[in-house]
C-alpha atoms as a PDB file:
ATOM      1  CA  MET A   1      37.969   6.872  14.876  1.00  0.00           C
ATOM      2  CA  GLU A   2      35.748   4.573  16.991  1.00  0.00           C
ATOM      3  CA  ASN A   3      33.019   7.288  17.276  1.00  0.00           C
ATOM      4  CA  THR A   4      33.127   7.844  13.476  1.00  0.00           C
ATOM      5  CA  THR A   5      32.616   4.138  12.799  1.00  0.00           C
ATOM      6  CA  LEU A   6      29.746   3.939  15.318  1.00  0.00           C
ATOM      7  CA  SER A   7      28.142   6.975  13.737  1.00  0.00           C
ATOM      8  CA  GLY A   8      28.552   5.514  10.287  1.00  0.00           C
ATOM      9  CA  SER A   9      26.871   2.273  11.464  1.00  0.00           C
ATOM     10  CA  ARG A  10      24.004   4.185  12.878  1.00  0.00           C
ATOM     11  CA  SER A  11      23.679   6.042   9.694  1.00  0.00           C
ATOM     12  CA  ASN A  12      23.638   2.878   7.594  1.00  0.00           C
ATOM     13  CA  LEU A  13      20.943   1.431   9.887  1.00  0.00           C
ATOM     14  CA  ALA A  14      18.870   4.502   9.476  1.00  0.00           C
ATOM     15  CA  GLY A  15      19.250   4.402   5.740  1.00  0.00           C
ATOM     16  CA  ASP A  16      18.280   0.753   5.706  1.00  0.00           C
ATOM     17  CA  GLU A  17      15.196   1.507   7.740  1.00  0.00           C
ATOM     18  CA  GLU A  18      14.220   4.412   5.472  1.00  0.00           C
ATOM     19  CA  GLU A  19      14.492   2.189   2.348  1.00  0.00           C
ATOM     20  CA  GLU A  20      12.530  -0.536   4.101  1.00  0.00           C
ATOM     21  CA  THR A  21       9.648   1.780   5.115  1.00  0.00           C
ATOM     22  CA  TRP A  22       9.732   3.437   1.666  1.00  0.00           C
ATOM     23  CA  LEU A  23       9.294   0.065   0.020  1.00  0.00           C
ATOM     24  CA  HIS A  24       6.594  -0.807   2.506  1.00  0.00           C
ATOM     25  CA  ALA A  25       4.623   2.348   1.660  1.00  0.00           C
ATOM     26  CA  TRP A  26       5.132   1.760  -2.045  1.00  0.00           C
ATOM     27  CA  GLY A  27       3.882  -1.762  -1.815  1.00  0.00           C
ATOM     28  CA  LEU A  28       0.729  -0.496   0.096  1.00  0.00           C
ATOM     29  CA  ILE A  29      -0.005   2.168  -2.479  1.00  0.00           C
ATOM     30  CA  THR A  30       0.334  -0.201  -5.493  1.00  0.00           C
ATOM     31  CA  SER A  31      -1.270  -3.235  -3.933  1.00  0.00           C
ATOM     32  CA  PHE A  32      -4.429  -2.615  -5.853  1.00  0.00           C
ATOM     33  CA  ALA A  33      -2.685  -3.679  -8.984  1.00  0.00           C
ATOM     34  CA  VAL A  34      -2.392  -7.277  -7.632  1.00  0.00           C
ATOM     35  CA  SER A  35      -6.130  -7.517  -7.081  1.00  0.00           C
ATOM     36  CA  MET A  36      -6.873  -6.065 -10.576  1.00  0.00           C
ATOM     37  CA  THR A  37      -4.332  -8.364 -12.172  1.00  0.00           C
ATOM     38  CA  LEU A  38      -5.876 -11.398 -10.427  1.00  0.00           C
ATOM     39  CA  LYS A  39      -9.215 -10.304 -11.853  1.00  0.00           C
ATOM     40  CA  ALA A  40      -7.807 -10.037 -15.389  1.00  0.00           C
ATOM     41  CA  ALA A  41      -6.082 -13.464 -15.071  1.00  0.00           C
ATOM     42  CA  ILE A  42      -9.400 -15.008 -13.897  1.00  0.00           C
ATOM     43  CA  GLU A  43     -11.366 -13.450 -16.677  1.00  0.00           C
ATOM     44  CA  LEU A  44      -8.856 -14.571 -19.234  1.00  0.00           C
ATOM     45  CA  GLY A  45      -8.932 -18.120 -17.965  1.00  0.00           C
ATOM     46  CA  LEU A  46      -5.112 -18.179 -17.295  1.00  0.00           C
ATOM     47  CA  PHE A  47      -5.320 -19.989 -13.868  1.00  0.00           C
ATOM     48  CA  ASP A  48      -7.556 -22.693 -15.354  1.00  0.00           C
ATOM     49  CA  ALA A  49      -5.298 -23.147 -18.418  1.00  0.00           C
ATOM     50  CA  LEU A  50      -2.208 -23.534 -16.138  1.00  0.00           C
ATOM     51  CA  SER A  51      -3.998 -25.911 -13.680  1.00  0.00           C
ATOM     52  CA  ASN A  52      -5.308 -28.070 -16.541  1.00  0.00           C
ATOM     53  CA  ALA A  53      -1.894 -28.380 -18.238  1.00  0.00           C
ATOM     54  CA  GLY A  54      -1.060 -31.563 -16.500  1.00  0.00           C
ATOM     55  CA  GLY A  55       2.106 -30.124 -14.856  1.00  0.00           C
ATOM     56  CA  ARG A  56       3.444 -28.908 -18.250  1.00  0.00           C
ATOM     57  CA  ALA A  57       4.927 -25.436 -18.317  1.00  0.00           C
ATOM     58  CA  LEU A  58       3.245 -23.070 -20.675  1.00  0.00           C
ATOM     59  CA  THR A  59       4.558 -19.975 -22.461  1.00  0.00           C
ATOM     60  CA  ALA A  60       2.629 -16.751 -22.778  1.00  0.00           C
ATOM     61  CA  ASP A  61       2.273 -17.508 -26.570  1.00  0.00           C
ATOM     62  CA  GLU A  62       0.575 -20.821 -25.689  1.00  0.00           C
ATOM     63  CA  LEU A  63      -1.782 -19.212 -23.133  1.00  0.00           C
ATOM     64  CA  ALA A  64      -2.708 -16.379 -25.460  1.00  0.00           C
ATOM     65  CA  ALA A  65      -3.348 -18.668 -28.427  1.00  0.00           C
ATOM     66  CA  GLY A  66      -7.021 -19.032 -27.458  1.00  0.00           C
ATOM     67  CA  LEU A  67      -7.675 -15.398 -26.569  1.00  0.00           C
ATOM     68  CA  PRO A  68      -9.774 -13.260 -29.061  1.00  0.00           C
ATOM     69  CA  ALA A  69      -7.142 -10.542 -29.258  1.00  0.00           C
ATOM     70  CA  VAL A  70      -7.086  -8.622 -32.440  1.00  0.00           C
ATOM     71  CA  ASP A  71      -3.347  -8.218 -32.315  1.00  0.00           C
ATOM     72  CA  LYS A  72      -1.766 -11.498 -31.019  1.00  0.00           C
ATOM     73  CA  THR A  73       1.576  -9.863 -30.498  1.00  0.00           C
ATOM     74  CA  ASP A  74       0.178  -7.341 -28.062  1.00  0.00           C
ATOM     75  CA  GLY A  75      -1.929 -10.126 -26.486  1.00  0.00           C
ATOM     76  CA  VAL A  76       1.105 -12.300 -25.826  1.00  0.00           C
ATOM     77  CA  ALA A  77       3.084  -9.396 -24.360  1.00  0.00           C
ATOM     78  CA  SER A  78       0.135  -8.512 -22.058  1.00  0.00           C
ATOM     79  CA  VAL A  79      -0.284 -12.083 -20.843  1.00  0.00           C
ATOM     80  CA  ASP A  80       3.404 -12.351 -20.204  1.00  0.00           C
ATOM     81  CA  ARG A  81       3.357  -9.038 -18.125  1.00  0.00           C
ATOM     82  CA  ILE A  82       0.376 -10.229 -16.137  1.00  0.00           C
ATOM     83  CA  LEU A  83       2.011 -13.604 -15.306  1.00  0.00           C
ATOM     84  CA  ARG A  84       5.398 -11.948 -14.544  1.00  0.00           C
ATOM     85  CA  LEU A  85       3.693  -9.725 -11.975  1.00  0.00           C
ATOM     86  CA  LEU A  86       1.770 -12.697 -10.412  1.00  0.00           C
ATOM     87  CA  ALA A  87       5.018 -14.663 -10.272  1.00  0.00           C
ATOM     88  CA  SER A  88       6.551 -12.019  -8.031  1.00  0.00           C
ATOM     89  CA  PHE A  89       3.830 -12.694  -5.587  1.00  0.00           C
ATOM     90  CA  ASP A  90       4.196 -16.493  -5.839  1.00  0.00           C
ATOM     91  CA  VAL A  91       0.878 -16.987  -7.570  1.00  0.00           C
ATOM     92  CA  VAL A  92       2.460 -18.649 -10.508  1.00  0.00           C
ATOM     93  CA  ARG A  93       6.017 -19.986 -10.949  1.00  0.00           C
ATOM     94  CA  CYS A  94       8.196 -18.614 -13.780  1.00  0.00           C
ATOM     95  CA  LEU A  95      10.860 -20.770 -15.381  1.00  0.00           C
ATOM     96  CA  THR A  96      13.344 -19.106 -17.889  1.00  0.00           C
ATOM     97  CA  GLU A  97      15.576 -20.443 -20.514  1.00  0.00           C
ATOM     98  CA  THR A  98      17.644 -19.002 -23.496  1.00  0.00           C
ATOM     99  CA  GLY A  99      16.201 -19.575 -26.897  1.00  0.00           C
ATOM    100  CA  ALA A 100      18.154 -20.464 -30.113  1.00  0.00           C
ATOM    101  CA  HIS A 101      18.668 -16.804 -30.953  1.00  0.00           C
ATOM    102  CA  GLY A 102      19.612 -15.752 -27.419  1.00  0.00           C
ATOM    103  CA  GLU A 103      16.200 -14.531 -26.505  1.00  0.00           C
ATOM    104  CA  THR A 104      14.641 -15.166 -23.015  1.00  0.00           C
ATOM    105  CA  ILE A 105      11.845 -17.643 -23.016  1.00  0.00           C
ATOM    106  CA  ARG A 106       9.595 -17.673 -20.016  1.00  0.00           C
ATOM    107  CA  GLN A 107       7.321 -20.605 -19.085  1.00  0.00           C
ATOM    108  CA  TYR A 108       4.728 -20.634 -16.267  1.00  0.00           C
ATOM    109  CA  THR A 109       3.347 -23.268 -13.999  1.00  0.00           C
ATOM    110  CA  PRO A 110       0.689 -22.806 -11.313  1.00  0.00           C
ATOM    111  CA  ALA A 111       1.858 -22.222  -7.701  1.00  0.00           C
ATOM    112  CA  PRO A 112      -0.193 -23.956  -4.900  1.00  0.00           C
ATOM    113  CA  VAL A 113      -2.361 -20.926  -4.368  1.00  0.00           C
ATOM    114  CA  CYS A 114      -3.748 -21.328  -7.962  1.00  0.00           C
ATOM    115  CA  ARG A 115      -5.971 -24.119  -6.792  1.00  0.00           C
ATOM    116  CA  TRP A 116      -8.121 -21.401  -5.101  1.00  0.00           C
ATOM    117  CA  LEU A 117      -8.119 -19.076  -8.103  1.00  0.00           C
ATOM    118  CA  ALA A 118      -8.983 -21.480 -10.858  1.00  0.00           C
ATOM    119  CA  ILE A 119     -12.723 -21.936 -11.596  1.00  0.00           C
ATOM    120  CA  ASN A 120     -13.063 -25.227 -13.560  1.00  0.00           C
ATOM    121  CA  HIS A 121     -10.833 -27.511 -11.501  1.00  0.00           C
ATOM    122  CA  GLY A 122     -13.680 -29.421  -9.772  1.00  0.00           C
ATOM    123  CA  GLY A 123     -13.180 -27.929  -6.343  1.00  0.00           C
ATOM    124  CA  SER A 124     -14.095 -24.791  -4.362  1.00  0.00           C
ATOM    125  CA  SER A 125     -12.749 -21.536  -5.683  1.00  0.00           C
ATOM    126  CA  LEU A 126     -12.182 -17.982  -4.409  1.00  0.00           C
ATOM    127  CA  ALA A 127     -12.288 -16.677  -8.019  1.00  0.00           C
ATOM    128  CA  PRO A 128     -15.977 -15.582  -7.676  1.00  0.00           C
ATOM    129  CA  TYR A 129     -15.151 -13.614  -4.567  1.00  0.00           C
ATOM    130  CA  ALA A 130     -12.267 -11.937  -6.347  1.00  0.00           C
ATOM    131  CA  MET A 131     -14.730 -10.995  -9.033  1.00  0.00           C
ATOM    132  CA  PHE A 132     -17.139  -9.553  -6.536  1.00  0.00           C
ATOM    133  CA  THR A 133     -14.570  -7.459  -4.615  1.00  0.00           C
ATOM    134  CA  THR A 134     -13.198  -6.001  -7.891  1.00  0.00           C
ATOM    135  CA  ASP A 135     -16.630  -5.378  -9.401  1.00  0.00           C
ATOM    136  CA  GLN A 136     -17.123  -1.795 -10.625  1.00  0.00           C
ATOM    137  CA  ASP A 137     -19.937  -1.289  -8.143  1.00  0.00           C
ATOM    138  CA  CYS A 138     -17.769  -2.172  -5.252  1.00  0.00           C
ATOM    139  CA  LEU A 139     -14.653  -0.321  -6.409  1.00  0.00           C
ATOM    140  CA  THR A 140     -16.585   2.965  -6.991  1.00  0.00           C
ATOM    141  CA  ALA A 141     -17.695   2.816  -3.356  1.00  0.00           C
ATOM    142  CA  TRP A 142     -14.087   2.693  -2.100  1.00  0.00           C
ATOM    143  CA  GLN A 143     -13.535   6.020  -3.897  1.00  0.00           C
ATOM    144  CA  GLN A 144     -16.002   7.609  -1.501  1.00  0.00           C
ATOM    145  CA  LEU A 145     -14.557   6.199   1.703  1.00  0.00           C
ATOM    146  CA  GLY A 146     -13.078   9.404   3.020  1.00  0.00           C
ATOM    147  CA  ALA A 147     -16.036  11.561   2.098  1.00  0.00           C
ATOM    148  CA  ALA A 148     -18.350   8.989   3.657  1.00  0.00           C
ATOM    149  CA  VAL A 149     -16.499   9.129   6.925  1.00  0.00           C
ATOM    150  CA  GLU A 150     -16.802  12.953   6.927  1.00  0.00           C
ATOM    151  CA  GLY A 151     -20.483  12.738   6.162  1.00  0.00           C
ATOM    152  CA  GLY A 152     -21.310  10.037   8.631  1.00  0.00           C
ATOM    153  CA  GLN A 153     -22.316   7.640   5.992  1.00  0.00           C
ATOM    154  CA  THR A 154     -21.137   4.314   4.543  1.00  0.00           C
ATOM    155  CA  ALA A 155     -19.091   4.435   1.361  1.00  0.00           C
ATOM    156  CA  PHE A 156     -21.471   2.169  -0.455  1.00  0.00           C
ATOM    157  CA  GLY A 157     -24.532   4.110   0.671  1.00  0.00           C
ATOM    158  CA  ARG A 158     -22.934   7.410  -0.427  1.00  0.00           C
ATOM    159  CA  THR A 159     -22.084   6.038  -3.737  1.00  0.00           C
ATOM    160  CA  HIS A 160     -25.236   4.126  -4.698  1.00  0.00           C
ATOM    161  CA  GLY A 161     -27.851   5.754  -2.381  1.00  0.00           C
ATOM    162  CA  VAL A 162     -28.858   2.570  -0.726  1.00  0.00           C
ATOM    163  CA  THR A 163     -27.319  -0.097   1.353  1.00  0.00           C
ATOM    164  CA  MET A 164     -25.442  -2.954  -0.209  1.00  0.00           C
ATOM    165  CA  VAL A 165     -28.251  -5.369   0.424  1.00  0.00           C
ATOM    166  CA  GLU A 166     -30.781  -3.033  -1.136  1.00  0.00           C
ATOM    167  CA  HIS A 167     -28.531  -2.613  -4.093  1.00  0.00           C
ATOM    168  CA  PHE A 168     -28.444  -6.319  -4.580  1.00  0.00           C
ATOM    169  CA  GLY A 169     -32.301  -6.268  -4.820  1.00  0.00           C
ATOM    170  CA  ARG A 170     -32.164  -3.644  -7.567  1.00  0.00           C
ATOM    171  CA  THR A 171     -29.077  -5.053  -9.366  1.00  0.00           C
ATOM    172  CA  PRO A 172     -29.568  -8.688 -10.407  1.00  0.00           C
ATOM    173  CA  ARG A 173     -26.137  -8.617 -12.037  1.00  0.00           C
ATOM    174  CA  LEU A 174     -24.296  -7.831  -8.895  1.00  0.00           C
ATOM    175  CA  SER A 175     -26.473  -9.953  -6.790  1.00  0.00           C
ATOM    176  CA  GLY A 176     -25.583 -12.871  -8.942  1.00  0.00           C
ATOM    177  CA  VAL A 177     -21.793 -12.187  -8.641  1.00  0.00           C
ATOM    178  CA  PHE A 178     -22.197 -11.912  -4.901  1.00  0.00           C
ATOM    179  CA  ASP A 179     -24.221 -15.184  -4.608  1.00  0.00           C
ATOM    180  CA  LYS A 180     -21.722 -17.172  -6.659  1.00  0.00           C
ATOM    181  CA  ALA A 181     -18.959 -15.792  -4.245  1.00  0.00           C
ATOM    182  CA  MET A 182     -20.959 -16.723  -1.168  1.00  0.00           C
ATOM    183  CA  VAL A 183     -21.811 -20.278  -2.383  1.00  0.00           C
ATOM    184  CA  GLN A 184     -18.101 -21.029  -2.879  1.00  0.00           C
ATOM    185  CA  ILE A 185     -17.057 -19.507   0.436  1.00  0.00           C
ATOM    186  CA  SER A 186     -19.869 -21.236   2.307  1.00  0.00           C
ATOM    187  CA  ALA A 187     -18.887 -24.521   0.751  1.00  0.00           C
ATOM    188  CA  MET A 188     -15.255 -24.191   1.945  1.00  0.00           C
ATOM    189  CA  VAL A 189     -16.135 -23.092   5.580  1.00  0.00           C
ATOM    190  CA  THR A 190     -19.063 -25.413   5.994  1.00  0.00           C
ATOM    191  CA  SER A 191     -17.109 -28.459   4.878  1.00  0.00           C
ATOM    192  CA  LYS A 192     -14.534 -27.719   7.598  1.00  0.00           C
ATOM    193  CA  LEU A 193     -17.286 -27.084  10.076  1.00  0.00           C
ATOM    194  CA  LEU A 194     -18.840 -30.385   9.428  1.00  0.00           C
ATOM    195  CA  GLU A 195     -15.545 -32.157   9.793  1.00  0.00           C
ATOM    196  CA  ARG A 196     -14.609 -30.687  13.121  1.00  0.00           C
ATOM    197  CA  PHE A 197     -17.862 -29.561  14.833  1.00  0.00           C
ATOM    198  CA  HIS A 198     -20.318 -32.189  16.249  1.00  0.00           C
ATOM    199  CA  GLY A 199     -22.918 -30.092  17.876  1.00  0.00           C
ATOM    200  CA  PHE A 200     -25.832 -30.777  15.342  1.00  0.00           C
ATOM    201  CA  ASP A 201     -26.739 -34.137  16.817  1.00  0.00           C
ATOM    202  CA  ASP A 202     -29.345 -32.834  19.136  1.00  0.00           C
ATOM    203  CA  ILE A 203     -30.831 -30.104  16.939  1.00  0.00           C
ATOM    204  CA  SER A 204     -34.207 -30.789  15.188  1.00  0.00           C
ATOM    205  CA  VAL A 205     -34.809 -27.394  13.484  1.00  0.00           C
ATOM    206  CA  LEU A 206     -32.052 -25.077  12.195  1.00  0.00           C
ATOM    207  CA  VAL A 207     -32.617 -21.623  10.857  1.00  0.00           C
ATOM    208  CA  ASP A 208     -30.029 -19.931   8.728  1.00  0.00           C
ATOM    209  CA  VAL A 209     -30.678 -16.263   8.896  1.00  0.00           C
ATOM    210  CA  GLY A 210     -29.283 -14.443   5.909  1.00  0.00           C
ATOM    211  CA  GLY A 211     -28.645 -17.867   4.280  1.00  0.00           C
ATOM    212  CA  GLY A 212     -28.693 -16.622   0.693  1.00  0.00           C
ATOM    213  CA  THR A 213     -29.616 -19.461  -1.746  1.00  0.00           C
ATOM    214  CA  GLY A 214     -29.413 -22.009   1.133  1.00  0.00           C
ATOM    215  CA  ALA A 215     -26.054 -23.652   0.115  1.00  0.00           C
ATOM    216  CA  THR A 216     -24.802 -23.825   3.632  1.00  0.00           C
ATOM    217  CA  LEU A 217     -28.008 -25.106   5.143  1.00  0.00           C
ATOM    218  CA  LYS A 218     -28.211 -27.816   2.327  1.00  0.00           C
ATOM    219  CA  MET A 219     -24.842 -29.045   3.285  1.00  0.00           C
ATOM    220  CA  VAL A 220     -25.821 -29.389   6.919  1.00  0.00           C
ATOM    221  CA  THR A 221     -29.177 -31.058   6.340  1.00  0.00           C
ATOM    222  CA  SER A 222     -27.658 -33.397   3.794  1.00  0.00           C
ATOM    223  CA  THR A 223     -25.239 -34.547   6.498  1.00  0.00           C
ATOM    224  CA  TYR A 224     -27.678 -34.493   9.430  1.00  0.00           C
ATOM    225  CA  LYS A 225     -30.774 -35.779   7.811  1.00  0.00           C
ATOM    226  CA  HIS A 226     -32.844 -35.546  11.040  1.00  0.00           C
ATOM    227  CA  ILE A 227     -32.633 -31.770  10.937  1.00  0.00           C
ATOM    228  CA  ARG A 228     -35.438 -29.686   9.376  1.00  0.00           C
ATOM    229  CA  GLY A 229     -33.753 -26.605   7.839  1.00  0.00           C
ATOM    230  CA  ILE A 230     -35.287 -23.168   7.334  1.00  0.00           C
ATOM    231  CA  ASN A 231     -33.423 -20.770   5.078  1.00  0.00           C
ATOM    232  CA  PHE A 232     -34.377 -17.147   5.862  1.00  0.00           C
ATOM    233  CA  ASP A 233     -33.468 -14.288   3.541  1.00  0.00           C
ATOM    234  CA  LEU A 234     -34.848 -11.482   1.484  1.00  0.00           C
ATOM    235  CA  PRO A 235     -37.150 -12.253  -1.424  1.00  0.00           C
ATOM    236  CA  TYR A 236     -34.595 -11.557  -4.145  1.00  0.00           C
ATOM    237  CA  ALA A 237     -32.217 -14.158  -2.668  1.00  0.00           C
ATOM    238  CA  ILE A 238     -35.019 -16.778  -2.003  1.00  0.00           C
ATOM    239  CA  SER A 239     -36.179 -16.366  -5.601  1.00  0.00           C
ATOM    240  CA  LEU A 240     -32.785 -17.778  -6.807  1.00  0.00           C
ATOM    241  CA  ALA A 241     -32.670 -20.605  -4.180  1.00  0.00           C
ATOM    242  CA  PRO A 242     -33.087 -24.293  -5.295  1.00  0.00           C
ATOM    243  CA  SER A 243     -34.926 -26.758  -2.972  1.00  0.00           C
ATOM    244  CA  ILE A 244     -33.279 -27.938   0.188  1.00  0.00           C
ATOM    245  CA  PRO A 245     -33.595 -31.531   1.448  1.00  0.00           C
ATOM    246  CA  GLU A 246     -35.652 -31.696   4.575  1.00  0.00           C
ATOM    247  CA  GLY A 247     -35.979 -27.940   4.528  1.00  0.00           C
ATOM    248  CA  SER A 248     -37.772 -24.870   3.207  1.00  0.00           C
ATOM    249  CA  HIS A 249     -37.121 -21.120   2.369  1.00  0.00           C
END
């Protein structure tokens, strides 16, 4: 009897592990859906609407009211499905209550991570980077990853025939998406750098190689006004760069 119980316990443990690893594999396979749903929510302005609601919970009907959907019923249902998925990843919070006719009413509020996904909240945002990583030109390259490894190439080069940087020079649309993403990320990282790193005091000339439009260099030279900054990048990036205090491109 003792051996049977022990064997049964081991069987249960094996079953639990099998289910856990199955769920892990399933989550990995479907993880792309989270990125694409984030993209849709950003494009639809859902994170901005929730962040600007002043703490008030909003229904899918309220959020969909301003969308140019032909069929409002389908639009509301789609917005609700988007937010329900994001709620399962703690991107938004979902509150439920029962309506007058027994129906379930869902209301949504922003979770803390929303501050990095909203665009028009006055602070730095990762939304532009989300839009870059899910851009069609980037996603099509991922489809070629296996073939690129077999062919000794990069996935982006195999897909587009040039490096990513060269593609930026040929594709102003994607270059603009990338630049917006880098400006936001640079602002976040550089602000922390300037708070914690104090090694710029003795520097007179600072060159930022691959500095894009010069956003990082501008933050440094605006704080350390004795530094002469030089932003070094390719012509297509420099052509979009604004002037830098105490610096040049």
